[in-house]
All heavy atoms as atom14 arrays in JSON, in Angstrom:
{
  "sequence": "KIARKMQASKEVWGKIFGTINTREKFLNHRLELAKHEWGRLKANDS",
  "atom14_mask": [
    [1, 1, 1, 1, 1, 1, 1, 1, 1, 0, 0, 0, 0, 0],
    [1, 1, 1, 1, 1, 1, 1, 1, 0, 0, 0, 0, 0, 0],
    [1, 1, 1, 1, 1, 0, 0, 0, 0, 0, 0, 0, 0, 0],
    [1, 1, 1, 1, 1, 1, 1, 1, 1, 1, 1, 0, 0, 0],
    [1, 1, 1, 1, 1, 1, 1, 1, 1, 0, 0, 0, 0, 0],
    [1, 1, 1, 1, 1, 1, 1, 1, 0, 0, 0, 0, 0, 0],
    [1, 1, 1, 1, 1, 1, 1, 1, 1, 0, 0, 0, 0, 0],
    [1, 1, 1, 1, 1, 0, 0, 0, 0, 0, 0, 0, 0, 0],
    [1, 1, 1, 1, 1, 1, 0, 0, 0, 0, 0, 0, 0, 0],
    [1, 1, 1, 1, 1, 1, 1, 1, 1, 0, 0, 0, 0, 0],
    [1, 1, 1, 1, 1, 1, 1, 1, 1, 0, 0, 0, 0, 0],
    [1, 1, 1, 1, 1, 1, 1, 0, 0, 0, 0, 0, 0, 0],
    [1, 1, 1, 1, 1, 1, 1, 1, 1, 1, 1, 1, 1, 1],
    [1, 1, 1, 1, 0, 0, 0, 0, 0, 0, 0, 0, 0, 0],
    [1, 1, 1, 1, 1, 1, 1, 1, 1, 0, 0, 0, 0, 0],
    [1, 1, 1, 1, 1, 1, 1, 1, 0, 0, 0, 0, 0, 0],
    [1, 1, 1, 1, 1, 1, 1, 1, 1, 1, 1, 0, 0, 0],
    [1, 1, 1, 1, 0, 0, 0, 0, 0, 0, 0, 0, 0, 0],
    [1, 1, 1, 1, 1, 1, 1, 0, 0, 0, 0, 0, 0, 0],
    [1, 1, 1, 1, 1, 1, 1, 1, 0, 0, 0, 0, 0, 0],
    [1, 1, 1, 1, 1, 1, 1, 1, 0, 0, 0, 0, 0, 0],
    [1, 1, 1, 1, 1, 1, 1, 0, 0, 0, 0, 0, 0, 0],
    [1, 1, 1, 1, 1, 1, 1, 1, 1, 1, 1, 0, 0, 0],
    [1, 1, 1, 1, 1, 1, 1, 1, 1, 0, 0, 0, 0, 0],
    [1, 1, 1, 1, 1, 1, 1, 1, 1, 0, 0, 0, 0, 0],
    [1, 1, 1, 1, 1, 1, 1, 1, 1, 1, 1, 0, 0, 0],
    [1, 1, 1, 1, 1, 1, 1, 1, 0, 0, 0, 0, 0, 0],
    [1, 1, 1, 1, 1, 1, 1, 1, 0, 0, 0, 0, 0, 0],
    [1, 1, 1, 1, 1, 1, 1, 1, 1, 1, 0, 0, 0, 0],
    [1, 1, 1, 1, 1, 1, 1, 1, 1, 1, 1, 0, 0, 0],
    [1, 1, 1, 1, 1, 1, 1, 1, 0, 0, 0, 0, 0, 0],
    [1, 1, 1, 1, 1, 1, 1, 1, 1, 0, 0, 0, 0, 0],
    [1, 1, 1, 1, 1, 1, 1, 1, 0, 0, 0, 0, 0, 0],
    [1, 1, 1, 1, 1, 0, 0, 0, 0, 0, 0, 0, 0, 0],
    [1, 1, 1, 1, 1, 1, 1, 1, 1, 0, 0, 0, 0, 0],
    [1, 1, 1, 1, 1, 1, 1, 1, 1, 1, 0, 0, 0, 0],
    [1, 1, 1, 1, 1, 1, 1, 1, 1, 0, 0, 0, 0, 0],
    [1, 1, 1, 1, 1, 1, 1, 1, 1, 1, 1, 1, 1, 1],
    [1, 1, 1, 1, 0, 0, 0, 0, 0, 0, 0, 0, 0, 0],
    [1, 1, 1, 1, 1, 1, 1, 1, 1, 1, 1, 0, 0, 0],
    [1, 1, 1, 1, 1, 1, 1, 1, 0, 0, 0, 0, 0, 0],
    [1, 1, 1, 1, 1, 1, 1, 1, 1, 0, 0, 0, 0, 0],
    [1, 1, 1, 1, 1, 0, 0, 0, 0, 0, 0, 0, 0, 0],
    [1, 1, 1, 1, 1, 1, 1, 1, 0, 0, 0, 0, 0, 0],
    [1, 1, 1, 1, 1, 1, 1, 1, 0, 0, 0, 0, 0, 0],
    [1, 1, 1, 1, 1, 1, 0, 0, 0, 0, 0, 0, 0, 0]
  ],
  "atom14_positions": [
    [[0.52, 37.68, -5.72], [1.5, 38.32, -6.55], [1.84, 39.74, -6.1], [2.91, 40.17, -5.98], [1.05, 38.33, -7.99], [2.07, 39.02, -8.97], [1.48, 39.13, -10.39], [1.12, 37.84, -11.0], [0.69, 37.95, -12.43], [0.0, 0.0, 0.0], [0.0, 0.0, 0.0], [0.0, 0.0, 0.0], [0.0, 0.0, 0.0], [0.0, 0.0, 0.0]],
    [[0.75, 40.5, -5.75], [0.88, 41.84, -5.26], [1.63, 41.85, -3.97], [2.53, 42.7, -3.73], [-0.48, 42.58, -5.08], [-1.15, 42.66, -6.43], [-0.35, 43.94, -4.42], [-0.34, 43.62, -7.43], [0.0, 0.0, 0.0], [0.0, 0.0, 0.0], [0.0, 0.0, 0.0], [0.0, 0.0, 0.0], [0.0, 0.0, 0.0], [0.0, 0.0, 0.0]],
    [[1.31, 40.95, -3.04], [2.03, 40.88, -1.78], [3.51, 40.58, -2.0], [4.38, 41.22, -1.32], [1.37, 39.74, -0.91], [0.0, 0.0, 0.0], [0.0, 0.0, 0.0], [0.0, 0.0, 0.0], [0.0, 0.0, 0.0], [0.0, 0.0, 0.0], [0.0, 0.0, 0.0], [0.0, 0.0, 0.0], [0.0, 0.0, 0.0], [0.0, 0.0, 0.0]],
    [[3.84, 39.71, -2.95], [5.22, 39.4, -3.19], [5.92, 40.58, -3.79], [7.07, 40.82, -3.49], [5.29, 38.22, -4.18], [6.68, 37.76, -4.61], [7.37, 37.14, -3.38], [8.74, 36.89, -3.75], [9.81, 37.57, -3.33], [9.59, 38.64, -2.62], [11.0, 37.24, -3.67], [0.0, 0.0, 0.0], [0.0, 0.0, 0.0], [0.0, 0.0, 0.0]],
    [[5.2, 41.3, -4.74], [5.91, 42.48, -5.28], [6.25, 43.55, -4.22], [7.2, 44.2, -4.24], [4.95, 43.16, -6.31], [4.78, 42.25, -7.59], [5.98, 42.2, -8.43], [5.78, 41.46, -9.7], [7.02, 41.29, -10.52], [0.0, 0.0, 0.0], [0.0, 0.0, 0.0], [0.0, 0.0, 0.0], [0.0, 0.0, 0.0], [0.0, 0.0, 0.0]],
    [[5.29, 43.72, -3.25], [5.49, 44.62, -2.16], [6.73, 44.24, -1.33], [7.58, 44.98, -0.95], [4.3, 44.72, -1.3], [3.07, 45.34, -2.0], [1.59, 45.39, -0.99], [2.08, 46.51, 0.29], [0.0, 0.0, 0.0], [0.0, 0.0, 0.0], [0.0, 0.0, 0.0], [0.0, 0.0, 0.0], [0.0, 0.0, 0.0], [0.0, 0.0, 0.0]],
    [[6.84, 42.91, -1.1], [8.0, 42.44, -0.36], [9.31, 42.62, -1.11], [10.36, 42.97, -0.49], [7.83, 40.9, -0.05], [6.76, 40.59, 0.97], [6.54, 39.03, 0.99], [7.06, 38.26, 0.22], [5.63, 38.6, 1.93], [0.0, 0.0, 0.0], [0.0, 0.0, 0.0], [0.0, 0.0, 0.0], [0.0, 0.0, 0.0], [0.0, 0.0, 0.0]],
    [[9.21, 42.45, -2.38], [10.42, 42.62, -3.2], [10.82, 43.98, -3.47], [11.97, 44.26, -3.93], [10.14, 41.92, -4.59], [0.0, 0.0, 0.0], [0.0, 0.0, 0.0], [0.0, 0.0, 0.0], [0.0, 0.0, 0.0], [0.0, 0.0, 0.0], [0.0, 0.0, 0.0], [0.0, 0.0, 0.0], [0.0, 0.0, 0.0], [0.0, 0.0, 0.0]],
    [[9.96, 44.95, -3.07], [10.37, 46.36, -3.29], [11.66, 46.72, -2.53], [12.46, 47.67, -2.92], [9.22, 47.27, -2.89], [8.97, 47.16, -1.51], [0.0, 0.0, 0.0], [0.0, 0.0, 0.0], [0.0, 0.0, 0.0], [0.0, 0.0, 0.0], [0.0, 0.0, 0.0], [0.0, 0.0, 0.0], [0.0, 0.0, 0.0], [0.0, 0.0, 0.0]],
    [[11.91, 46.01, -1.4], [13.09, 46.31, -0.59], [14.38, 45.88, -1.4], [15.45, 46.37, -0.98], [13.04, 45.65, 0.76], [13.0, 44.16, 0.72], [12.84, 43.57, 2.14], [12.73, 42.09, 2.13], [12.52, 41.58, 3.48], [0.0, 0.0, 0.0], [0.0, 0.0, 0.0], [0.0, 0.0, 0.0], [0.0, 0.0, 0.0], [0.0, 0.0, 0.0]],
    [[14.23, 45.08, -2.4], [15.39, 44.68, -3.16], [15.91, 45.84, -3.98], [17.12, 45.86, -4.38], [15.0, 43.5, -4.08], [14.64, 42.26, -3.32], [14.01, 41.17, -4.19], [14.06, 41.32, -5.45], [13.5, 40.16, -3.67], [0.0, 0.0, 0.0], [0.0, 0.0, 0.0], [0.0, 0.0, 0.0], [0.0, 0.0, 0.0], [0.0, 0.0, 0.0]],
    [[15.06, 46.84, -4.24], [15.5, 48.03, -4.93], [16.59, 48.74, -4.05], [17.52, 49.29, -4.55], [14.31, 48.99, -5.19], [14.79, 50.28, -5.91], [13.32, 48.24, -6.17], [0.0, 0.0, 0.0], [0.0, 0.0, 0.0], [0.0, 0.0, 0.0], [0.0, 0.0, 0.0], [0.0, 0.0, 0.0], [0.0, 0.0, 0.0], [0.0, 0.0, 0.0]],
    [[16.26, 48.76, -2.74], [17.22, 49.37, -1.74], [18.63, 48.68, -1.89], [19.67, 49.34, -1.88], [16.59, 49.26, -0.38], [17.51, 49.82, 0.74], [18.5, 49.15, 1.39], [17.43, 51.1, 1.3], [19.07, 49.99, 2.31], [18.44, 51.16, 2.24], [16.54, 52.24, 1.08], [18.58, 52.34, 3.04], [16.78, 53.37, 1.8], [17.75, 53.36, 2.81]],
    [[18.58, 47.29, -1.9], [19.84, 46.52, -2.03], [20.54, 46.86, -3.33], [21.75, 46.95, -3.37], [0.0, 0.0, 0.0], [0.0, 0.0, 0.0], [0.0, 0.0, 0.0], [0.0, 0.0, 0.0], [0.0, 0.0, 0.0], [0.0, 0.0, 0.0], [0.0, 0.0, 0.0], [0.0, 0.0, 0.0], [0.0, 0.0, 0.0], [0.0, 0.0, 0.0]],
    [[19.76, 47.06, -4.41], [20.4, 47.43, -5.75], [21.06, 48.81, -5.67], [22.23, 48.98, -6.11], [19.3, 47.4, -6.77], [19.75, 47.94, -8.17], [20.83, 47.03, -8.76], [21.16, 47.5, -10.2], [22.2, 46.69, -10.78], [0.0, 0.0, 0.0], [0.0, 0.0, 0.0], [0.0, 0.0, 0.0], [0.0, 0.0, 0.0], [0.0, 0.0, 0.0]],
    [[20.33, 49.8, -5.06], [20.91, 51.16, -5.0], [22.23, 51.16, -4.13], [23.17, 51.81, -4.6], [19.87, 52.02, -4.34], [18.61, 52.24, -5.29], [20.48, 53.44, -4.1], [17.56, 52.98, -4.69], [0.0, 0.0, 0.0], [0.0, 0.0, 0.0], [0.0, 0.0, 0.0], [0.0, 0.0, 0.0], [0.0, 0.0, 0.0], [0.0, 0.0, 0.0]],
    [[22.26, 50.38, -3.12], [23.43, 50.47, -2.25], [24.41, 49.36, -2.47], [25.42, 49.24, -1.74], [22.99, 50.5, -0.79], [22.32, 51.76, -0.37], [20.95, 51.91, -0.4], [23.06, 52.9, 0.04], [20.29, 53.09, -0.07], [22.48, 54.02, 0.35], [21.06, 54.21, 0.36], [0.0, 0.0, 0.0], [0.0, 0.0, 0.0], [0.0, 0.0, 0.0]],
    [[24.25, 48.57, -3.54], [25.21, 47.58, -3.92], [25.37, 46.48, -2.99], [26.52, 46.04, -2.69], [0.0, 0.0, 0.0], [0.0, 0.0, 0.0], [0.0, 0.0, 0.0], [0.0, 0.0, 0.0], [0.0, 0.0, 0.0], [0.0, 0.0, 0.0], [0.0, 0.0, 0.0], [0.0, 0.0, 0.0], [0.0, 0.0, 0.0], [0.0, 0.0, 0.0]],
    [[24.34, 45.91, -2.38], [24.44, 44.93, -1.34], [25.17, 43.65, -1.84], [25.94, 43.09, -1.19], [23.08, 44.54, -0.77], [22.43, 45.76, -0.33], [23.2, 43.55, 0.33], [0.0, 0.0, 0.0], [0.0, 0.0, 0.0], [0.0, 0.0, 0.0], [0.0, 0.0, 0.0], [0.0, 0.0, 0.0], [0.0, 0.0, 0.0], [0.0, 0.0, 0.0]],
    [[24.78, 43.22, -3.09], [25.38, 42.01, -3.67], [25.88, 42.27, -5.04], [25.69, 41.48, -6.0], [24.4, 40.88, -3.68], [23.13, 41.17, -4.39], [24.13, 40.39, -2.24], [22.16, 40.05, -4.61], [0.0, 0.0, 0.0], [0.0, 0.0, 0.0], [0.0, 0.0, 0.0], [0.0, 0.0, 0.0], [0.0, 0.0, 0.0], [0.0, 0.0, 0.0]],
    [[26.51, 43.44, -5.31], [26.88, 43.88, -6.67], [28.23, 43.2, -7.09], [28.65, 43.55, -8.21], [26.94, 45.37, -6.77], [27.95, 45.96, -5.82], [28.52, 45.29, -4.97], [28.22, 47.28, -5.99], [0.0, 0.0, 0.0], [0.0, 0.0, 0.0], [0.0, 0.0, 0.0], [0.0, 0.0, 0.0], [0.0, 0.0, 0.0], [0.0, 0.0, 0.0]],
    [[28.87, 42.45, -6.28], [30.04, 41.7, -6.74], [29.75, 40.15, -6.41], [28.96, 39.88, -5.56], [31.28, 42.15, -6.03], [31.18, 41.83, -4.61], [31.52, 43.66, -6.2], [0.0, 0.0, 0.0], [0.0, 0.0, 0.0], [0.0, 0.0, 0.0], [0.0, 0.0, 0.0], [0.0, 0.0, 0.0], [0.0, 0.0, 0.0], [0.0, 0.0, 0.0]],
    [[30.49, 39.36, -7.07], [30.45, 37.86, -6.83], [30.74, 37.53, -5.41], [30.04, 36.72, -4.8], [31.34, 37.13, -7.78], [31.32, 35.62, -7.59], [30.04, 35.02, -8.04], [30.08, 33.56, -7.91], [29.0, 32.78, -8.16], [27.84, 33.3, -8.46], [29.1, 31.44, -8.04], [0.0, 0.0, 0.0], [0.0, 0.0, 0.0], [0.0, 0.0, 0.0]],
    [[31.75, 38.18, -4.87], [32.16, 37.86, -3.5], [31.02, 38.26, -2.51], [30.69, 37.54, -1.56], [33.37, 38.7, -3.11], [33.87, 38.43, -1.69], [35.18, 39.17, -1.43], [35.61, 40.07, -2.22], [35.77, 39.0, -0.39], [0.0, 0.0, 0.0], [0.0, 0.0, 0.0], [0.0, 0.0, 0.0], [0.0, 0.0, 0.0], [0.0, 0.0, 0.0]],
    [[30.37, 39.46, -2.69], [29.3, 39.86, -1.82], [28.13, 38.93, -1.96], [27.51, 38.55, -0.96], [28.86, 41.25, -2.17], [29.86, 42.39, -1.77], [29.22, 43.72, -2.19], [30.22, 44.87, -1.84], [29.67, 46.19, -2.27], [0.0, 0.0, 0.0], [0.0, 0.0, 0.0], [0.0, 0.0, 0.0], [0.0, 0.0, 0.0], [0.0, 0.0, 0.0]],
    [[27.85, 38.49, -3.19], [26.72, 37.58, -3.37], [26.97, 36.25, -2.6], [26.11, 35.75, -1.98], [26.64, 37.29, -4.91], [25.59, 36.19, -5.18], [24.26, 36.42, -5.07], [25.99, 34.92, -5.54], [23.35, 35.39, -5.36], [25.1, 33.93, -5.82], [23.79, 34.18, -5.7], [0.0, 0.0, 0.0], [0.0, 0.0, 0.0], [0.0, 0.0, 0.0]],
    [[28.12, 35.73, -2.74], [28.46, 34.44, -2.03], [28.41, 34.61, -0.55], [27.95, 33.73, 0.09], [29.79, 33.89, -2.48], [29.92, 33.51, -3.96], [31.33, 33.08, -4.26], [28.94, 32.33, -4.31], [0.0, 0.0, 0.0], [0.0, 0.0, 0.0], [0.0, 0.0, 0.0], [0.0, 0.0, 0.0], [0.0, 0.0, 0.0], [0.0, 0.0, 0.0]],
    [[28.79, 35.78, -0.04], [28.74, 35.99, 1.37], [27.27, 36.06, 1.92], [27.08, 35.78, 3.08], [29.49, 37.29, 1.75], [31.0, 37.2, 1.61], [31.54, 36.12, 1.63], [31.63, 38.34, 1.43], [0.0, 0.0, 0.0], [0.0, 0.0, 0.0], [0.0, 0.0, 0.0], [0.0, 0.0, 0.0], [0.0, 0.0, 0.0], [0.0, 0.0, 0.0]],
    [[26.42, 36.52, 1.06], [25.0, 36.63, 1.49], [24.17, 35.53, 1.0], [22.96, 35.46, 1.24], [24.43, 37.95, 0.92], [24.84, 39.21, 1.63], [26.07, 39.82, 1.3], [24.29, 39.91, 2.62], [26.13, 40.85, 2.06], [25.07, 40.99, 2.84], [0.0, 0.0, 0.0], [0.0, 0.0, 0.0], [0.0, 0.0, 0.0], [0.0, 0.0, 0.0]],
    [[24.79, 34.56, 0.36], [24.01, 33.48, -0.33], [23.11, 32.68, 0.58], [21.95, 32.43, 0.34], [24.95, 32.54, -1.12], [24.24, 31.4, -1.73], [24.96, 30.81, -2.93], [24.01, 30.38, -3.83], [24.3, 30.24, -5.16], [25.42, 30.54, -5.59], [23.32, 29.81, -5.96], [0.0, 0.0, 0.0], [0.0, 0.0, 0.0], [0.0, 0.0, 0.0]],
    [[23.74, 32.3, 1.74], [22.97, 31.44, 2.68], [21.73, 32.26, 3.26], [20.64, 31.75, 3.36], [23.82, 30.98, 3.83], [23.11, 30.18, 4.93], [22.52, 28.9, 4.33], [24.12, 29.74, 6.01], [0.0, 0.0, 0.0], [0.0, 0.0, 0.0], [0.0, 0.0, 0.0], [0.0, 0.0, 0.0], [0.0, 0.0, 0.0], [0.0, 0.0, 0.0]],
    [[21.96, 33.51, 3.53], [20.84, 34.38, 4.1], [19.76, 34.47, 3.05], [18.54, 34.36, 3.33], [21.4, 35.75, 4.38], [20.37, 36.69, 4.91], [20.93, 38.11, 5.01], [22.18, 38.37, 4.86], [20.12, 39.05, 5.32], [0.0, 0.0, 0.0], [0.0, 0.0, 0.0], [0.0, 0.0, 0.0], [0.0, 0.0, 0.0], [0.0, 0.0, 0.0]],
    [[20.14, 34.77, 1.76], [19.16, 34.87, 0.67], [18.37, 33.57, 0.47], [17.21, 33.59, 0.3], [19.83, 35.28, -0.58], [20.54, 36.61, -0.61], [21.38, 36.8, -1.86], [19.52, 37.78, -0.51], [0.0, 0.0, 0.0], [0.0, 0.0, 0.0], [0.0, 0.0, 0.0], [0.0, 0.0, 0.0], [0.0, 0.0, 0.0], [0.0, 0.0, 0.0]],
    [[19.12, 32.45, 0.55], [18.49, 31.17, 0.38], [17.51, 30.82, 1.43], [16.4, 30.38, 1.2], [19.56, 30.11, 0.27], [0.0, 0.0, 0.0], [0.0, 0.0, 0.0], [0.0, 0.0, 0.0], [0.0, 0.0, 0.0], [0.0, 0.0, 0.0], [0.0, 0.0, 0.0], [0.0, 0.0, 0.0], [0.0, 0.0, 0.0], [0.0, 0.0, 0.0]],
    [[17.84, 31.16, 2.69], [16.98, 30.95, 3.84], [15.67, 31.74, 3.67], [14.6, 31.19, 4.05], [17.64, 31.35, 5.17], [18.69, 30.22, 5.58], [19.32, 30.7, 6.9], [20.26, 29.62, 7.47], [20.84, 30.04, 8.79], [0.0, 0.0, 0.0], [0.0, 0.0, 0.0], [0.0, 0.0, 0.0], [0.0, 0.0, 0.0], [0.0, 0.0, 0.0]],
    [[15.76, 32.96, 3.18], [14.6, 33.75, 3.02], [13.59, 33.13, 2.02], [12.35, 33.02, 2.22], [14.95, 35.15, 2.51], [15.54, 36.08, 3.49], [15.06, 36.13, 4.78], [16.57, 36.94, 3.41], [15.81, 36.98, 5.51], [16.68, 37.53, 4.69], [0.0, 0.0, 0.0], [0.0, 0.0, 0.0], [0.0, 0.0, 0.0], [0.0, 0.0, 0.0]],
    [[14.22, 32.59, 0.9], [13.37, 31.92, -0.13], [12.81, 30.59, 0.32], [11.66, 30.26, 0.08], [14.19, 31.77, -1.47], [13.28, 31.48, -2.67], [12.31, 32.59, -2.95], [12.36, 33.65, -2.31], [11.42, 32.37, -3.91], [0.0, 0.0, 0.0], [0.0, 0.0, 0.0], [0.0, 0.0, 0.0], [0.0, 0.0, 0.0], [0.0, 0.0, 0.0]],
    [[13.69, 29.88, 1.03], [13.18, 28.59, 1.58], [12.09, 28.79, 2.57], [11.02, 28.09, 2.59], [14.32, 27.82, 2.28], [15.45, 27.37, 1.44], [15.37, 27.22, 0.06], [16.75, 27.1, 1.79], [16.68, 26.82, -0.4], [17.46, 26.76, 0.69], [17.51, 27.13, 3.01], [18.79, 26.37, 0.65], [18.78, 26.78, 3.07], [19.49, 26.44, 1.9]],
    [[12.15, 29.83, 3.43], [11.09, 30.13, 4.38], [9.84, 30.56, 3.72], [8.76, 30.2, 4.18], [0.0, 0.0, 0.0], [0.0, 0.0, 0.0], [0.0, 0.0, 0.0], [0.0, 0.0, 0.0], [0.0, 0.0, 0.0], [0.0, 0.0, 0.0], [0.0, 0.0, 0.0], [0.0, 0.0, 0.0], [0.0, 0.0, 0.0], [0.0, 0.0, 0.0]],
    [[9.99, 31.31, 2.67], [8.81, 31.77, 1.93], [8.04, 30.63, 1.28], [6.8, 30.45, 1.43], [9.15, 32.73, 0.82], [7.97, 33.36, 0.07], [8.49, 34.31, -1.02], [9.12, 33.58, -2.09], [8.33, 32.98, -3.11], [7.07, 33.05, -3.08], [8.96, 32.34, -4.04], [0.0, 0.0, 0.0], [0.0, 0.0, 0.0], [0.0, 0.0, 0.0]],
    [[8.79, 29.69, 0.72], [8.12, 28.48, 0.06], [7.59, 27.55, 1.12], [6.61, 26.88, 0.87], [9.17, 27.8, -0.83], [9.53, 28.53, -2.15], [10.72, 27.94, -2.76], [8.29, 28.48, -3.12], [0.0, 0.0, 0.0], [0.0, 0.0, 0.0], [0.0, 0.0, 0.0], [0.0, 0.0, 0.0], [0.0, 0.0, 0.0], [0.0, 0.0, 0.0]],
    [[8.31, 27.49, 2.28], [7.74, 26.64, 3.32], [6.42, 27.16, 3.86], [5.55, 26.43, 4.1], [8.81, 26.58, 4.47], [8.34, 25.74, 5.68], [8.42, 24.28, 5.44], [8.18, 23.5, 6.74], [8.14, 22.05, 6.48], [0.0, 0.0, 0.0], [0.0, 0.0, 0.0], [0.0, 0.0, 0.0], [0.0, 0.0, 0.0], [0.0, 0.0, 0.0]],
    [[6.34, 28.52, 4.0], [5.11, 29.15, 4.53], [3.96, 29.01, 3.61], [2.82, 28.92, 4.02], [5.47, 30.62, 4.8], [0.0, 0.0, 0.0], [0.0, 0.0, 0.0], [0.0, 0.0, 0.0], [0.0, 0.0, 0.0], [0.0, 0.0, 0.0], [0.0, 0.0, 0.0], [0.0, 0.0, 0.0], [0.0, 0.0, 0.0], [0.0, 0.0, 0.0]],
    [[4.15, 29.01, 2.23], [3.07, 28.95, 1.35], [2.92, 27.48, 0.74], [2.24, 27.36, -0.29], [3.15, 29.96, 0.2], [4.35, 29.7, -0.75], [4.94, 28.61, -0.8], [4.64, 30.64, -1.61], [0.0, 0.0, 0.0], [0.0, 0.0, 0.0], [0.0, 0.0, 0.0], [0.0, 0.0, 0.0], [0.0, 0.0, 0.0], [0.0, 0.0, 0.0]],
    [[3.5, 26.53, 1.42], [3.4, 25.13, 1.03], [3.86, 24.9, -0.38], [3.29, 24.2, -1.14], [1.91, 24.67, 1.17], [1.73, 23.13, 1.07], [2.8, 22.4, 1.27], [0.68, 22.65, 0.72], [0.0, 0.0, 0.0], [0.0, 0.0, 0.0], [0.0, 0.0, 0.0], [0.0, 0.0, 0.0], [0.0, 0.0, 0.0], [0.0, 0.0, 0.0]],
    [[5.0, 25.52, -0.69], [5.64, 25.43, -2.03], [4.69, 25.73, -3.17], [4.6, 24.93, -4.06], [6.26, 24.0, -2.19], [7.11, 23.7, -1.14], [0.0, 0.0, 0.0], [0.0, 0.0, 0.0], [0.0, 0.0, 0.0], [0.0, 0.0, 0.0], [0.0, 0.0, 0.0], [0.0, 0.0, 0.0], [0.0, 0.0, 0.0], [0.0, 0.0, 0.0]]
  ]
}
């Protein structure tokens, strides 16, 4: 959990700079975001 929290701290950066603050931006980044989560679950055997 601590390791995941440390990884997620970079999401604060995305929040500050509005990386996905609109629906259009979110959809444009959706595949990239999904791949990150799929990769994480693959690595820890779901």
